[in-house]
Amino acid sequence: MRKSDKKVENQLRIALTEVCEAALKNGNGFQWLTHQVNYSNFPKSLQVICVFDINESLARFMKTTSCQELGSLIQ
């Protein structure tokens, strides 16, 4: 990983930590998030993965405005 990639990774980690903390406050089954990225194709390759406690929580979440809000926070 290049030095510039490490800087971007650190910025991503900080920003996504803030998103995660905000999402945890909703009490909607959200557990944590992580990301994957290929820095040779950044930002197109960035994927953010959100994890929920059970599939039913995810299904309920997808039907609410919280889903759109979380998407906006991630962007």
N, C-alpha and C. Protein backbone atom coordinates (compact mmCIF):
# COMPACT_ATOMS: atom_id res chain seq x y z
N MET A 1 0.85 -1.17 0.00
CA MET A 1 0.00 0.00 0.00
C MET A 1 0.89 1.23 0.00
N ARG A 2 0.59 2.14 -0.89
CA ARG A 2 1.37 3.38 -0.98
C ARG A 2 1.04 4.30 0.19
N LYS A 3 1.91 5.24 0.41
CA LYS A 3 1.71 6.19 1.51
C LYS A 3 0.41 6.98 1.31
N SER A 4 0.13 7.37 0.09
CA SER A 4 -1.11 8.11 -0.19
C SER A 4 -2.34 7.24 0.07
N ASP A 5 -2.23 5.94 -0.23
CA ASP A 5 -3.33 5.01 0.05
C ASP A 5 -3.57 4.90 1.54
N LYS A 6 -2.50 4.87 2.31
CA LYS A 6 -2.64 4.79 3.77
C LYS A 6 -3.35 6.01 4.32
N LYS A 7 -3.06 7.18 3.75
CA LYS A 7 -3.73 8.40 4.20
C LYS A 7 -5.23 8.34 3.90
N VAL A 8 -5.56 7.89 2.71
CA VAL A 8 -6.97 7.77 2.34
C VAL A 8 -7.66 6.73 3.23
N GLU A 9 -6.99 5.62 3.48
CA GLU A 9 -7.55 4.57 4.34
C GLU A 9 -7.84 5.12 5.73
N ASN A 10 -6.94 5.91 6.26
CA ASN A 10 -7.15 6.49 7.59
C ASN A 10 -8.34 7.44 7.58
N GLN A 11 -8.46 8.25 6.53
CA GLN A 11 -9.61 9.16 6.42
C GLN A 11 -10.92 8.38 6.31
N LEU A 12 -10.90 7.31 5.52
CA LEU A 12 -12.09 6.46 5.40
C LEU A 12 -12.46 5.85 6.75
N ARG A 13 -11.48 5.35 7.45
CA ARG A 13 -11.72 4.71 8.74
C ARG A 13 -12.35 5.70 9.72
N ILE A 14 -11.84 6.91 9.76
CA ILE A 14 -12.37 7.93 10.67
C ILE A 14 -13.81 8.29 10.29
N ALA A 15 -14.05 8.52 9.01
CA ALA A 15 -15.39 8.89 8.55
C ALA A 15 -16.40 7.76 8.78
N LEU A 16 -16.00 6.54 8.48
CA LEU A 16 -16.92 5.42 8.65
C LEU A 16 -17.16 5.08 10.12
N THR A 17 -16.21 5.37 10.96
CA THR A 17 -16.43 5.19 12.41
C THR A 17 -17.52 6.14 12.89
N GLU A 18 -17.50 7.36 12.40
CA GLU A 18 -18.55 8.33 12.76
C GLU A 18 -19.91 7.87 12.25
N VAL A 19 -19.95 7.36 11.03
CA VAL A 19 -21.20 6.84 10.46
C VAL A 19 -21.71 5.68 11.31
N CYS A 20 -20.82 4.79 11.68
CA CYS A 20 -21.19 3.62 12.48
C CYS A 20 -21.77 4.06 13.82
N GLU A 21 -21.14 4.99 14.47
CA GLU A 21 -21.62 5.46 15.77
C GLU A 21 -23.00 6.09 15.64
N ALA A 22 -23.23 6.84 14.58
CA ALA A 22 -24.55 7.45 14.36
C ALA A 22 -25.60 6.38 14.10
N ALA A 23 -25.26 5.38 13.31
CA ALA A 23 -26.21 4.32 12.98
C ALA A 23 -26.55 3.47 14.20
N LEU A 24 -25.61 3.27 15.09
CA LEU A 24 -25.86 2.47 16.29
C LEU A 24 -26.89 3.11 17.21
N LYS A 25 -27.02 4.42 17.15
CA LYS A 25 -27.95 5.13 18.03
C LYS A 25 -29.41 4.90 17.65
N ASN A 26 -29.67 4.44 16.43
CA ASN A 26 -31.05 4.26 15.97
C ASN A 26 -31.74 3.05 16.58
N GLY A 27 -31.00 2.10 17.11
CA GLY A 27 -31.60 0.93 17.74
C GLY A 27 -32.43 0.09 16.78
N ASN A 28 -31.97 -0.03 15.54
CA ASN A 28 -32.73 -0.73 14.52
C ASN A 28 -32.13 -2.08 14.13
N GLY A 29 -31.24 -2.60 14.95
CA GLY A 29 -30.61 -3.87 14.64
C GLY A 29 -29.26 -3.75 13.97
N PHE A 30 -28.89 -2.52 13.61
CA PHE A 30 -27.57 -2.29 13.02
C PHE A 30 -26.50 -2.68 14.03
N GLN A 31 -25.47 -3.40 13.58
CA GLN A 31 -24.40 -3.85 14.46
C GLN A 31 -23.07 -3.16 14.18
N TRP A 32 -22.64 -3.16 12.92
CA TRP A 32 -21.36 -2.56 12.56
C TRP A 32 -21.26 -2.45 11.05
N LEU A 33 -20.21 -1.78 10.58
CA LEU A 33 -19.96 -1.71 9.16
C LEU A 33 -18.47 -1.87 8.90
N THR A 34 -18.16 -2.22 7.68
CA THR A 34 -16.77 -2.37 7.25
C THR A 34 -16.70 -1.93 5.80
N HIS A 35 -15.52 -1.94 5.25
CA HIS A 35 -15.38 -1.53 3.85
C HIS A 35 -14.31 -2.34 3.16
N GLN A 36 -14.42 -2.35 1.83
CA GLN A 36 -13.42 -2.95 0.96
C GLN A 36 -13.11 -1.94 -0.12
N VAL A 37 -11.86 -1.88 -0.53
CA VAL A 37 -11.50 -0.94 -1.59
C VAL A 37 -10.25 -1.43 -2.32
N ASN A 38 -10.22 -1.18 -3.59
CA ASN A 38 -9.04 -1.41 -4.41
C ASN A 38 -8.52 -0.02 -4.76
N TYR A 39 -7.42 0.37 -4.17
CA TYR A 39 -6.94 1.74 -4.32
C TYR A 39 -6.49 2.08 -5.73
N SER A 40 -6.24 1.09 -6.56
CA SER A 40 -5.90 1.39 -7.95
C SER A 40 -7.14 1.82 -8.73
N ASN A 41 -8.32 1.61 -8.15
CA ASN A 41 -9.58 2.00 -8.79
C ASN A 41 -10.46 2.75 -7.79
N PHE A 42 -9.86 3.56 -6.96
CA PHE A 42 -10.59 4.34 -5.96
C PHE A 42 -11.08 5.62 -6.61
N PRO A 43 -12.28 6.07 -6.36
CA PRO A 43 -13.29 5.65 -5.40
C PRO A 43 -14.31 4.67 -5.96
N LYS A 44 -14.23 4.34 -7.26
CA LYS A 44 -15.23 3.45 -7.86
C LYS A 44 -15.29 2.09 -7.19
N SER A 45 -14.18 1.63 -6.63
CA SER A 45 -14.15 0.29 -6.06
C SER A 45 -14.58 0.24 -4.59
N LEU A 46 -14.84 1.37 -3.99
CA LEU A 46 -15.20 1.40 -2.57
C LEU A 46 -16.55 0.73 -2.34
N GLN A 47 -16.57 -0.22 -1.43
CA GLN A 47 -17.80 -0.89 -1.01
C GLN A 47 -17.90 -0.80 0.50
N VAL A 48 -19.04 -0.35 0.98
CA VAL A 48 -19.30 -0.28 2.41
C VAL A 48 -20.33 -1.36 2.73
N ILE A 49 -20.02 -2.21 3.70
CA ILE A 49 -20.87 -3.33 4.06
C ILE A 49 -21.45 -3.07 5.45
N CYS A 50 -22.78 -3.04 5.55
CA CYS A 50 -23.46 -2.84 6.83
C CYS A 50 -23.98 -4.18 7.33
N VAL A 51 -23.76 -4.44 8.61
CA VAL A 51 -24.14 -5.71 9.21
C VAL A 51 -25.25 -5.46 10.24
N PHE A 52 -26.29 -6.30 10.16
CA PHE A 52 -27.41 -6.22 11.09
C PHE A 52 -27.48 -7.50 11.90
N ASP A 53 -28.17 -7.42 13.04
CA ASP A 53 -28.24 -8.58 13.94
C ASP A 53 -28.97 -9.76 13.32
N ILE A 54 -30.10 -9.51 12.66
CA ILE A 54 -30.86 -10.58 12.01
C ILE A 54 -31.43 -10.05 10.69
N ASN A 55 -31.78 -10.95 9.80
CA ASN A 55 -32.32 -10.56 8.49
C ASN A 55 -33.61 -9.75 8.61
N GLU A 56 -34.42 -10.05 9.62
CA GLU A 56 -35.67 -9.32 9.80
C GLU A 56 -35.40 -7.85 10.14
N SER A 57 -34.37 -7.59 10.92
CA SER A 57 -34.00 -6.20 11.23
C SER A 57 -33.57 -5.48 9.97
N LEU A 58 -32.81 -6.15 9.14
CA LEU A 58 -32.38 -5.56 7.87
C LEU A 58 -33.59 -5.27 6.99
N ALA A 59 -34.51 -6.21 6.89
CA ALA A 59 -35.70 -6.02 6.05
C ALA A 59 -36.52 -4.83 6.54
N ARG A 60 -36.71 -4.71 7.85
CA ARG A 60 -37.45 -3.57 8.41
C ARG A 60 -36.70 -2.27 8.11
N PHE A 61 -35.40 -2.30 8.31
CA PHE A 61 -34.57 -1.11 8.09
C PHE A 61 -34.67 -0.64 6.64
N MET A 62 -34.67 -1.57 5.70
CA MET A 62 -34.70 -1.21 4.27
C MET A 62 -36.00 -0.50 3.89
N LYS A 63 -37.05 -0.65 4.68
CA LYS A 63 -38.35 -0.04 4.39
C LYS A 63 -38.51 1.34 5.04
N THR A 64 -37.52 1.79 5.78
CA THR A 64 -37.64 3.06 6.50
C THR A 64 -36.79 4.16 5.85
N THR A 65 -37.03 5.37 6.30
CA THR A 65 -36.21 6.49 5.83
C THR A 65 -34.81 6.42 6.43
N SER A 66 -34.62 5.65 7.48
CA SER A 66 -33.30 5.49 8.08
C SER A 66 -32.32 4.89 7.07
N CYS A 67 -32.83 4.06 6.18
CA CYS A 67 -31.99 3.45 5.15
C CYS A 67 -31.41 4.54 4.25
N GLN A 68 -32.24 5.46 3.82
CA GLN A 68 -31.78 6.56 2.97
C GLN A 68 -30.84 7.48 3.74
N GLU A 69 -31.13 7.70 5.01
CA GLU A 69 -30.27 8.56 5.83
C GLU A 69 -28.88 7.94 6.00
N LEU A 70 -28.85 6.64 6.25
CA LEU A 70 -27.56 5.96 6.39
C LEU A 70 -26.78 6.02 5.07
N GLY A 71 -27.47 5.83 3.97
CA GLY A 71 -26.84 5.94 2.66
C GLY A 71 -26.23 7.31 2.44
N SER A 72 -26.96 8.35 2.85
CA SER A 72 -26.45 9.71 2.73
C SER A 72 -25.22 9.93 3.61
N LEU A 73 -25.27 9.40 4.82
CA LEU A 73 -24.10 9.53 5.71
C LEU A 73 -22.88 8.85 5.12
N ILE A 74 -23.09 7.69 4.54
CA ILE A 74 -21.97 6.96 3.95
C ILE A 74 -21.39 7.73 2.77
N GLN A 75 -22.25 8.30 1.95
CA GLN A 75 -21.76 9.06 0.80
C GLN A 75 -21.04 10.30 1.25
